[in-house]
Amino acid sequence: TWKDDKGFGFIRSSDGTQDVFLHI
């Protein structure tokens, strides 16, 4: 997920166990 207008998104870990917040 990436919300360009808000400057953040989420990374799904390669093992699929966790969604991690990412800020611009």
mmCIF file of all heavy atoms, coordinates in Angstrom:
data_MODEL
# 
_entry.id   MODEL 
# 
loop_
_atom_site.group_PDB 
_atom_site.id 
_atom_site.type_symbol 
_atom_site.label_atom_id 
_atom_site.label_alt_id 
_atom_site.label_comp_id 
_atom_site.label_asym_id 
_atom_site.label_entity_id 
_atom_site.label_seq_id 
_atom_site.pdbx_PDB_ins_code 
_atom_site.Cartn_x 
_atom_site.Cartn_y 
_atom_site.Cartn_z 
_atom_site.occupancy 
_atom_site.B_iso_or_equiv 
_atom_site.pdbx_formal_charge 
_atom_site.auth_seq_id 
_atom_site.auth_comp_id 
_atom_site.auth_asym_id 
_atom_site.auth_atom_id 
_atom_site.pdbx_PDB_model_num 
ATOM 1   N N   . THR A 1 1  ? 0.855  -1.190  0.000  1.00 0.00 ? 1  THR A N   1 
ATOM 2   C CA  . THR A 1 1  ? 0.000  0.000   0.000  1.00 0.00 ? 1  THR A CA  1 
ATOM 3   C C   . THR A 1 1  ? 0.884  1.229   0.000  1.00 0.00 ? 1  THR A C   1 
ATOM 4   O O   . THR A 1 1  ? 1.877  1.263   0.720  1.00 0.00 ? 1  THR A O   1 
ATOM 5   C CB  . THR A 1 1  ? -0.881 0.048   1.276  1.00 0.00 ? 1  THR A CB  1 
ATOM 6   O OG1 . THR A 1 1  ? -1.596 -1.172  1.400  1.00 0.00 ? 1  THR A OG1 1 
ATOM 7   C CG2 . THR A 1 1  ? -1.846 1.205   1.244  1.00 0.00 ? 1  THR A CG2 1 
ATOM 8   N N   . TRP A 1 2  ? 0.525  2.239   -0.797 1.00 0.00 ? 2  TRP A N   1 
ATOM 9   C CA  . TRP A 1 2  ? 1.230  3.522   -0.739 1.00 0.00 ? 2  TRP A CA  1 
ATOM 10  C C   . TRP A 1 2  ? 0.233  4.642   -0.963 1.00 0.00 ? 2  TRP A C   1 
ATOM 11  O O   . TRP A 1 2  ? -0.473 4.659   -1.956 1.00 0.00 ? 2  TRP A O   1 
ATOM 12  C CB  . TRP A 1 2  ? 2.360  3.618   -1.752 1.00 0.00 ? 2  TRP A CB  1 
ATOM 13  C CG  . TRP A 1 2  ? 3.098  4.898   -1.582 1.00 0.00 ? 2  TRP A CG  1 
ATOM 14  C CD1 . TRP A 1 2  ? 3.011  6.019   -2.361 1.00 0.00 ? 2  TRP A CD1 1 
ATOM 15  C CD2 . TRP A 1 2  ? 3.973  5.229   -0.510 1.00 0.00 ? 2  TRP A CD2 1 
ATOM 16  N NE1 . TRP A 1 2  ? 3.800  7.015   -1.846 1.00 0.00 ? 2  TRP A NE1 1 
ATOM 17  C CE2 . TRP A 1 2  ? 4.392  6.561   -0.697 1.00 0.00 ? 2  TRP A CE2 1 
ATOM 18  C CE3 . TRP A 1 2  ? 4.438  4.539   0.604  1.00 0.00 ? 2  TRP A CE3 1 
ATOM 19  C CZ2 . TRP A 1 2  ? 5.265  7.197   0.178  1.00 0.00 ? 2  TRP A CZ2 1 
ATOM 20  C CZ3 . TRP A 1 2  ? 5.301  5.174   1.466  1.00 0.00 ? 2  TRP A CZ3 1 
ATOM 21  C CH2 . TRP A 1 2  ? 5.710  6.492   1.253  1.00 0.00 ? 2  TRP A CH2 1 
ATOM 22  N N   . LYS A 1 3  ? 0.154  5.569   -0.017 1.00 0.00 ? 3  LYS A N   1 
ATOM 23  C CA  . LYS A 1 3  ? -0.732 6.737   -0.111 1.00 0.00 ? 3  LYS A CA  1 
ATOM 24  C C   . LYS A 1 3  ? 0.143  7.953   -0.365 1.00 0.00 ? 3  LYS A C   1 
ATOM 25  O O   . LYS A 1 3  ? 0.680  8.545   0.563  1.00 0.00 ? 3  LYS A O   1 
ATOM 26  C CB  . LYS A 1 3  ? -1.550 6.885   1.162  1.00 0.00 ? 3  LYS A CB  1 
ATOM 27  C CG  . LYS A 1 3  ? -2.472 5.698   1.395  1.00 0.00 ? 3  LYS A CG  1 
ATOM 28  C CD  . LYS A 1 3  ? -3.330 5.907   2.611  1.00 0.00 ? 3  LYS A CD  1 
ATOM 29  C CE  . LYS A 1 3  ? -4.177 4.703   2.868  1.00 0.00 ? 3  LYS A CE  1 
ATOM 30  N NZ  . LYS A 1 3  ? -5.390 4.651   2.124  1.00 0.00 ? 3  LYS A NZ  1 
ATOM 31  N N   . ASP A 1 4  ? 0.289  8.300   -1.641 1.00 0.00 ? 4  ASP A N   1 
ATOM 32  C CA  . ASP A 1 4  ? 1.174  9.387   -2.048 1.00 0.00 ? 4  ASP A CA  1 
ATOM 33  C C   . ASP A 1 4  ? 0.772  10.713  -1.416 1.00 0.00 ? 4  ASP A C   1 
ATOM 34  O O   . ASP A 1 4  ? 1.623  11.479  -0.984 1.00 0.00 ? 4  ASP A O   1 
ATOM 35  C CB  . ASP A 1 4  ? 1.152  9.510   -3.570 1.00 0.00 ? 4  ASP A CB  1 
ATOM 36  C CG  . ASP A 1 4  ? 2.503  9.870   -4.142 1.00 0.00 ? 4  ASP A CG  1 
ATOM 37  O OD1 . ASP A 1 4  ? 3.515  9.615   -3.473 1.00 0.00 ? 4  ASP A OD1 1 
ATOM 38  O OD2 . ASP A 1 4  ? 2.522  10.404  -5.260 1.00 0.00 ? 4  ASP A OD2 1 
ATOM 39  N N   . ASP A 1 5  ? -0.520 10.961  -1.325 1.00 0.00 ? 5  ASP A N   1 
ATOM 40  C CA  . ASP A 1 5  ? -0.999 12.226  -0.767 1.00 0.00 ? 5  ASP A CA  1 
ATOM 41  C C   . ASP A 1 5  ? -0.708 12.363  0.725  1.00 0.00 ? 5  ASP A C   1 
ATOM 42  O O   . ASP A 1 5  ? -0.605 13.461  1.253  1.00 0.00 ? 5  ASP A O   1 
ATOM 43  C CB  . ASP A 1 5  ? -2.496 12.404  -1.028 1.00 0.00 ? 5  ASP A CB  1 
ATOM 44  C CG  . ASP A 1 5  ? -3.346 11.279  -0.454 1.00 0.00 ? 5  ASP A CG  1 
ATOM 45  O OD1 . ASP A 1 5  ? -2.874 10.122  -0.420 1.00 0.00 ? 5  ASP A OD1 1 
ATOM 46  O OD2 . ASP A 1 5  ? -4.493 11.557  -0.055 1.00 0.00 ? 5  ASP A OD2 1 
ATOM 47  N N   . LYS A 1 6  ? -0.530 11.250  1.414  1.00 0.00 ? 6  LYS A N   1 
ATOM 48  C CA  . LYS A 1 6  ? -0.250 11.283  2.853  1.00 0.00 ? 6  LYS A CA  1 
ATOM 49  C C   . LYS A 1 6  ? 1.205  10.943  3.172  1.00 0.00 ? 6  LYS A C   1 
ATOM 50  O O   . LYS A 1 6  ? 1.664  11.143  4.287  1.00 0.00 ? 6  LYS A O   1 
ATOM 51  C CB  . LYS A 1 6  ? -1.174 10.318  3.580  1.00 0.00 ? 6  LYS A CB  1 
ATOM 52  C CG  . LYS A 1 6  ? -2.637 10.661  3.334  1.00 0.00 ? 6  LYS A CG  1 
ATOM 53  C CD  . LYS A 1 6  ? -3.468 10.291  4.486  1.00 0.00 ? 6  LYS A CD  1 
ATOM 54  C CE  . LYS A 1 6  ? -4.909 10.590  4.136  1.00 0.00 ? 6  LYS A CE  1 
ATOM 55  N NZ  . LYS A 1 6  ? -5.569 11.385  5.090  1.00 0.00 ? 6  LYS A NZ  1 
ATOM 56  N N   . GLY A 1 7  ? 1.926  10.369  2.189  1.00 0.00 ? 7  GLY A N   1 
ATOM 57  C CA  . GLY A 1 7  ? 3.349  10.083  2.378  1.00 0.00 ? 7  GLY A CA  1 
ATOM 58  C C   . GLY A 1 7  ? 3.662  8.860   3.210  1.00 0.00 ? 7  GLY A C   1 
ATOM 59  O O   . GLY A 1 7  ? 4.688  8.798   3.871  1.00 0.00 ? 7  GLY A O   1 
ATOM 60  N N   . PHE A 1 8  ? 2.786  7.857   3.169  1.00 0.00 ? 8  PHE A N   1 
ATOM 61  C CA  . PHE A 1 8  ? 3.091  6.631   3.895  1.00 0.00 ? 8  PHE A CA  1 
ATOM 62  C C   . PHE A 1 8  ? 2.463  5.424   3.215  1.00 0.00 ? 8  PHE A C   1 
ATOM 63  O O   . PHE A 1 8  ? 1.622  5.554   2.336  1.00 0.00 ? 8  PHE A O   1 
ATOM 64  C CB  . PHE A 1 8  ? 2.627  6.708   5.355  1.00 0.00 ? 8  PHE A CB  1 
ATOM 65  C CG  . PHE A 1 8  ? 1.134  6.617   5.540  1.00 0.00 ? 8  PHE A CG  1 
ATOM 66  C CD1 . PHE A 1 8  ? 0.519  5.375   5.689  1.00 0.00 ? 8  PHE A CD1 1 
ATOM 67  C CD2 . PHE A 1 8  ? 0.346  7.751   5.572  1.00 0.00 ? 8  PHE A CD2 1 
ATOM 68  C CE1 . PHE A 1 8  ? -0.853 5.272   5.852  1.00 0.00 ? 8  PHE A CE1 1 
ATOM 69  C CE2 . PHE A 1 8  ? -1.024 7.661   5.745  1.00 0.00 ? 8  PHE A CE2 1 
ATOM 70  C CZ  . PHE A 1 8  ? -1.625 6.422   5.888  1.00 0.00 ? 8  PHE A CZ  1 
ATOM 71  N N   . GLY A 1 9  ? 2.915  4.258   3.645  1.00 0.00 ? 9  GLY A N   1 
ATOM 72  C CA  . GLY A 1 9  ? 2.378  3.010   3.129  1.00 0.00 ? 9  GLY A CA  1 
ATOM 73  C C   . GLY A 1 9  ? 2.769  1.870   4.044  1.00 0.00 ? 9  GLY A C   1 
ATOM 74  O O   . GLY A 1 9  ? 3.251  2.084   5.156  1.00 0.00 ? 9  GLY A O   1 
ATOM 75  N N   . PHE A 1 10 ? 2.561  0.646   3.554  1.00 0.00 ? 10 PHE A N   1 
ATOM 76  C CA  . PHE A 1 10 ? 2.845  -0.538  4.352  1.00 0.00 ? 10 PHE A CA  1 
ATOM 77  C C   . PHE A 1 10 ? 3.608  -1.562  3.535  1.00 0.00 ? 10 PHE A C   1 
ATOM 78  O O   . PHE A 1 10 ? 3.335  -1.774  2.358  1.00 0.00 ? 10 PHE A O   1 
ATOM 79  C CB  . PHE A 1 10 ? 1.549  -1.162  4.876  1.00 0.00 ? 10 PHE A CB  1 
ATOM 80  C CG  . PHE A 1 10 ? 0.867  -0.302  5.891  1.00 0.00 ? 10 PHE A CG  1 
ATOM 81  C CD1 . PHE A 1 10 ? -0.073 0.631   5.496  1.00 0.00 ? 10 PHE A CD1 1 
ATOM 82  C CD2 . PHE A 1 10 ? 1.194  -0.394  7.232  1.00 0.00 ? 10 PHE A CD2 1 
ATOM 83  C CE1 . PHE A 1 10 ? -0.689 1.451   6.420  1.00 0.00 ? 10 PHE A CE1 1 
ATOM 84  C CE2 . PHE A 1 10 ? 0.583  0.426   8.166  1.00 0.00 ? 10 PHE A CE2 1 
ATOM 85  C CZ  . PHE A 1 10 ? -0.361 1.349   7.758  1.00 0.00 ? 10 PHE A CZ  1 
ATOM 86  N N   . ILE A 1 11 ? 4.583  -2.182  4.196  1.00 0.00 ? 11 ILE A N   1 
ATOM 87  C CA  . ILE A 1 11 ? 5.388  -3.243  3.610  1.00 0.00 ? 11 ILE A CA  1 
ATOM 88  C C   . ILE A 1 11 ? 4.906  -4.561  4.206  1.00 0.00 ? 11 ILE A C   1 
ATOM 89  O O   . ILE A 1 11 ? 4.800  -4.687  5.430  1.00 0.00 ? 11 ILE A O   1 
ATOM 90  C CB  . ILE A 1 11 ? 6.880  -3.072  3.966  1.00 0.00 ? 11 ILE A CB  1 
ATOM 91  C CG1 . ILE A 1 11 ? 7.392  -1.720  3.498  1.00 0.00 ? 11 ILE A CG1 1 
ATOM 92  C CG2 . ILE A 1 11 ? 7.705  -4.217  3.386  1.00 0.00 ? 11 ILE A CG2 1 
ATOM 93  C CD1 . ILE A 1 11 ? 8.751  -1.361  4.086  1.00 0.00 ? 11 ILE A CD1 1 
ATOM 94  N N   . ARG A 1 12 ? 4.636  -5.542  3.356  1.00 0.00 ? 12 ARG A N   1 
ATOM 95  C CA  . ARG A 1 12 ? 4.326  -6.897  3.834  1.00 0.00 ? 12 ARG A CA  1 
ATOM 96  C C   . ARG A 1 12 ? 5.643  -7.652  3.901  1.00 0.00 ? 12 ARG A C   1 
ATOM 97  O O   . ARG A 1 12 ? 6.358  -7.760  2.898  1.00 0.00 ? 12 ARG A O   1 
ATOM 98  C CB  . ARG A 1 12 ? 3.361  -7.579  2.879  1.00 0.00 ? 12 ARG A CB  1 
ATOM 99  C CG  . ARG A 1 12 ? 3.127  -9.075  3.081  1.00 0.00 ? 12 ARG A CG  1 
ATOM 100 C CD  . ARG A 1 12 ? 2.369  -9.482  4.342  1.00 0.00 ? 12 ARG A CD  1 
ATOM 101 N NE  . ARG A 1 12 ? 1.170  -8.740  4.607  1.00 0.00 ? 12 ARG A NE  1 
ATOM 102 C CZ  . ARG A 1 12 ? -0.064 -9.118  4.289  1.00 0.00 ? 12 ARG A CZ  1 
ATOM 103 N NH1 . ARG A 1 12 ? -0.271 -10.243 3.652  1.00 0.00 ? 12 ARG A NH1 1 
ATOM 104 N NH2 . ARG A 1 12 ? -1.093 -8.368  4.631  1.00 0.00 ? 12 ARG A NH2 1 
ATOM 105 N N   . SER A 1 13 ? 5.974  -8.147  5.088  1.00 0.00 ? 13 SER A N   1 
ATOM 106 C CA  . SER A 1 13 ? 7.237  -8.869  5.248  1.00 0.00 ? 13 SER A CA  1 
ATOM 107 C C   . SER A 1 13 ? 7.273  -10.081 4.326  1.00 0.00 ? 13 SER A C   1 
ATOM 108 O O   . SER A 1 13 ? 6.228  -10.638 3.963  1.00 0.00 ? 13 SER A O   1 
ATOM 109 C CB  . SER A 1 13 ? 7.430  -9.302  6.706  1.00 0.00 ? 13 SER A CB  1 
ATOM 110 O OG  . SER A 1 13 ? 6.391  -10.175 7.102  1.00 0.00 ? 13 SER A OG  1 
ATOM 111 N N   . SER A 1 14 ? 8.468  -10.483 3.931  1.00 0.00 ? 14 SER A N   1 
ATOM 112 C CA  . SER A 1 14 ? 8.612  -11.571 2.959  1.00 0.00 ? 14 SER A CA  1 
ATOM 113 C C   . SER A 1 14 ? 8.030  -12.886 3.465  1.00 0.00 ? 14 SER A C   1 
ATOM 114 O O   . SER A 1 14 ? 7.615  -13.720 2.675  1.00 0.00 ? 14 SER A O   1 
ATOM 115 C CB  . SER A 1 14 ? 10.074 -11.750 2.555  1.00 0.00 ? 14 SER A CB  1 
ATOM 116 O OG  . SER A 1 14 ? 10.854 -12.044 3.681  1.00 0.00 ? 14 SER A OG  1 
ATOM 117 N N   . ASP A 1 15 ? 7.971  -13.065 4.781  1.00 0.00 ? 15 ASP A N   1 
ATOM 118 C CA  . ASP A 1 15 ? 7.368  -14.293 5.312  1.00 0.00 ? 15 ASP A CA  1 
ATOM 119 C C   . ASP A 1 15 ? 5.856  -14.144 5.494  1.00 0.00 ? 15 ASP A C   1 
ATOM 120 O O   . ASP A 1 15 ? 5.175  -15.081 5.903  1.00 0.00 ? 15 ASP A O   1 
ATOM 121 C CB  . ASP A 1 15 ? 8.035  -14.720 6.612  1.00 0.00 ? 15 ASP A CB  1 
ATOM 122 C CG  . ASP A 1 15 ? 7.872  -13.715 7.743  1.00 0.00 ? 15 ASP A CG  1 
ATOM 123 O OD1 . ASP A 1 15 ? 7.145  -12.705 7.580  1.00 0.00 ? 15 ASP A OD1 1 
ATOM 124 O OD2 . ASP A 1 15 ? 8.476  -13.928 8.803  1.00 0.00 ? 15 ASP A OD2 1 
ATOM 125 N N   . GLY A 1 16 ? 5.325  -12.939 5.203  1.00 0.00 ? 16 GLY A N   1 
ATOM 126 C CA  . GLY A 1 16 ? 3.883  -12.717 5.241  1.00 0.00 ? 16 GLY A CA  1 
ATOM 127 C C   . GLY A 1 16 ? 3.269  -12.588 6.618  1.00 0.00 ? 16 GLY A C   1 
ATOM 128 O O   . GLY A 1 16 ? 2.047  -12.558 6.754  1.00 0.00 ? 16 GLY A O   1 
ATOM 129 N N   . THR A 1 17 ? 4.101  -12.477 7.646  1.00 0.00 ? 17 THR A N   1 
ATOM 130 C CA  . THR A 1 17 ? 3.567  -12.448 9.008  1.00 0.00 ? 17 THR A CA  1 
ATOM 131 C C   . THR A 1 17 ? 3.300  -11.050 9.546  1.00 0.00 ? 17 THR A C   1 
ATOM 132 O O   . THR A 1 17 ? 2.670  -10.911 10.588 1.00 0.00 ? 17 THR A O   1 
ATOM 133 C CB  . THR A 1 17 ? 4.533  -13.145 9.986  1.00 0.00 ? 17 THR A CB  1 
ATOM 134 O OG1 . THR A 1 17 ? 5.779  -12.451 9.974  1.00 0.00 ? 17 THR A OG1 1 
ATOM 135 C CG2 . THR A 1 17 ? 4.734  -14.603 9.617  1.00 0.00 ? 17 THR A CG2 1 
ATOM 136 N N   . GLN A 1 18 ? 3.754  -10.027 8.833  1.00 0.00 ? 18 GLN A N   1 
ATOM 137 C CA  . GLN A 1 18 ? 3.696  -8.698  9.421  1.00 0.00 ? 18 GLN A CA  1 
ATOM 138 C C   . GLN A 1 18 ? 3.561  -7.619  8.350  1.00 0.00 ? 18 GLN A C   1 
ATOM 139 O O   . GLN A 1 18 ? 4.202  -7.690  7.299  1.00 0.00 ? 18 GLN A O   1 
ATOM 140 C CB  . GLN A 1 18 ? 4.988  -8.489  10.207 1.00 0.00 ? 18 GLN A CB  1 
ATOM 141 C CG  . GLN A 1 18 ? 5.073  -7.256  11.028 1.00 0.00 ? 18 GLN A CG  1 
ATOM 142 C CD  . GLN A 1 18 ? 6.353  -7.266  11.845 1.00 0.00 ? 18 GLN A CD  1 
ATOM 143 O OE1 . GLN A 1 18 ? 7.414  -7.599  11.358 1.00 0.00 ? 18 GLN A OE1 1 
ATOM 144 N NE2 . GLN A 1 18 ? 6.244  -6.901  13.099 1.00 0.00 ? 18 GLN A NE2 1 
ATOM 145 N N   . ASP A 1 19 ? 2.715  -6.630  8.615  1.00 0.00 ? 19 ASP A N   1 
ATOM 146 C CA  . ASP A 1 19 ? 2.656  -5.418  7.807  1.00 0.00 ? 19 ASP A CA  1 
ATOM 147 C C   . ASP A 1 19 ? 3.360  -4.324  8.589  1.00 0.00 ? 19 ASP A C   1 
ATOM 148 O O   . ASP A 1 19 ? 3.053  -4.081  9.747  1.00 0.00 ? 19 ASP A O   1 
ATOM 149 C CB  . ASP A 1 19 ? 1.207  -5.004  7.528  1.00 0.00 ? 19 ASP A CB  1 
ATOM 150 C CG  . ASP A 1 19 ? 0.542  -5.902  6.508  1.00 0.00 ? 19 ASP A CG  1 
ATOM 151 O OD1 . ASP A 1 19 ? 1.243  -6.491  5.684  1.00 0.00 ? 19 ASP A OD1 1 
ATOM 152 O OD2 . ASP A 1 19 ? -0.698 -6.019  6.540  1.00 0.00 ? 19 ASP A OD2 1 
ATOM 153 N N   . VAL A 1 20 ? 4.322  -3.672  7.945  1.00 0.00 ? 20 VAL A N   1 
ATOM 154 C CA  . VAL A 1 20 ? 5.174  -2.685  8.611  1.00 0.00 ? 20 VAL A CA  1 
ATOM 155 C C   . VAL A 1 20 ? 4.935  -1.315  8.003  1.00 0.00 ? 20 VAL A C   1 
ATOM 156 O O   . VAL A 1 20 ? 4.958  -1.146  6.785  1.00 0.00 ? 20 VAL A O   1 
ATOM 157 C CB  . VAL A 1 20 ? 6.668  -3.079  8.467  1.00 0.00 ? 20 VAL A CB  1 
ATOM 158 C CG1 . VAL A 1 20 ? 7.560  -2.064  9.140  1.00 0.00 ? 20 VAL A CG1 1 
ATOM 159 C CG2 . VAL A 1 20 ? 6.912  -4.471  9.021  1.00 0.00 ? 20 VAL A CG2 1 
ATOM 160 N N   . PHE A 1 21 ? 4.729  -0.322  8.850  1.00 0.00 ? 21 PHE A N   1 
ATOM 161 C CA  . PHE A 1 21 ? 4.500  1.061   8.441  1.00 0.00 ? 21 PHE A CA  1 
ATOM 162 C C   . PHE A 1 21 ? 5.779  1.651   7.843  1.00 0.00 ? 21 PHE A C   1 
ATOM 163 O O   . PHE A 1 21 ? 6.867  1.460   8.378  1.00 0.00 ? 21 PHE A O   1 
ATOM 164 C CB  . PHE A 1 21 ? 4.071  1.874   9.665  1.00 0.00 ? 21 PHE A CB  1 
ATOM 165 C CG  . PHE A 1 21 ? 3.815  3.323   9.392  1.00 0.00 ? 21 PHE A CG  1 
ATOM 166 C CD1 . PHE A 1 21 ? 2.610  3.740   8.858  1.00 0.00 ? 21 PHE A CD1 1 
ATOM 167 C CD2 . PHE A 1 21 ? 4.770  4.280   9.682  1.00 0.00 ? 21 PHE A CD2 1 
ATOM 168 C CE1 . PHE A 1 21 ? 2.362  5.085   8.612  1.00 0.00 ? 21 PHE A CE1 1 
ATOM 169 C CE2 . PHE A 1 21 ? 4.533  5.627   9.446  1.00 0.00 ? 21 PHE A CE2 1 
ATOM 170 C CZ  . PHE A 1 21 ? 3.332  6.021   8.904  1.00 0.00 ? 21 PHE A CZ  1 
ATOM 171 N N   . LEU A 1 22 ? 5.627  2.368   6.727  1.00 0.00 ? 22 LEU A N   1 
ATOM 172 C CA  . LEU A 1 22 ? 6.751  3.057   6.084  1.00 0.00 ? 22 LEU A CA  1 
ATOM 173 C C   . LEU A 1 22 ? 6.351  4.494   5.805  1.00 0.00 ? 22 LEU A C   1 
ATOM 174 O O   . LEU A 1 22 ? 5.360  4.743   5.118  1.00 0.00 ? 22 LEU A O   1 
ATOM 175 C CB  . LEU A 1 22 ? 7.126  2.361   4.768  1.00 0.00 ? 22 LEU A CB  1 
ATOM 176 C CG  . LEU A 1 22 ? 8.199  3.057   3.928  1.00 0.00 ? 22 LEU A CG  1 
ATOM 177 C CD1 . LEU A 1 22 ? 9.547  3.016   4.642  1.00 0.00 ? 22 LEU A CD1 1 
ATOM 178 C CD2 . LEU A 1 22 ? 8.301  2.403   2.560  1.00 0.00 ? 22 LEU A CD2 1 
ATOM 179 N N   . HIS A 1 23 ? 7.108  5.450   6.334  1.00 0.00 ? 23 HIS A N   1 
ATOM 180 C CA  . HIS A 1 23 ? 6.850  6.869   6.105  1.00 0.00 ? 23 HIS A CA  1 
ATOM 181 C C   . HIS A 1 23 ? 7.853  7.404   5.093  1.00 0.00 ? 23 HIS A C   1 
ATOM 182 O O   . HIS A 1 23 ? 8.994  6.959   5.038  1.00 0.00 ? 23 HIS A O   1 
ATOM 183 C CB  . HIS A 1 23 ? 6.955  7.656   7.415  1.00 0.00 ? 23 HIS A CB  1 
ATOM 184 C CG  . HIS A 1 23 ? 6.374  9.025   7.301  1.00 0.00 ? 23 HIS A CG  1 
ATOM 185 N ND1 . HIS A 1 23 ? 7.132  10.118  6.969  1.00 0.00 ? 23 HIS A ND1 1 
ATOM 186 C CD2 . HIS A 1 23 ? 5.100  9.469   7.448  1.00 0.00 ? 23 HIS A CD2 1 
ATOM 187 C CE1 . HIS A 1 23 ? 6.350  11.191  6.924  1.00 0.00 ? 23 HIS A CE1 1 
ATOM 188 N NE2 . HIS A 1 23 ? 5.112  10.816  7.204  1.00 0.00 ? 23 HIS A NE2 1 
ATOM 189 N N   . ILE A 1 24 ? 7.429  8.362   4.305  1.00 0.00 ? 24 ILE A N   1 
ATOM 190 C CA  . ILE A 1 24 ? 8.261  8.944   3.246  1.00 0.00 ? 24 ILE A CA  1 
ATOM 191 C C   . ILE A 1 24 ? 9.589  9.483   3.791  1.00 0.00 ? 24 ILE A C   1 
ATOM 192 O O   . ILE A 1 24 ? 10.605 9.436   3.107  1.00 0.00 ? 24 ILE A O   1 
ATOM 193 C CB  . ILE A 1 24 ? 7.489  10.029  2.457  1.00 0.00 ? 24 ILE A CB  1 
ATOM 194 C CG1 . ILE A 1 24 ? 8.238  10.441  1.189  1.00 0.00 ? 24 ILE A CG1 1 
ATOM 195 C CG2 . ILE A 1 24 ? 7.202  11.243  3.321  1.00 0.00 ? 24 ILE A CG2 1 
ATOM 196 C CD1 . ILE A 1 24 ? 8.239  9.415   0.112  1.00 0.00 ? 24 ILE A CD1 1 
# 
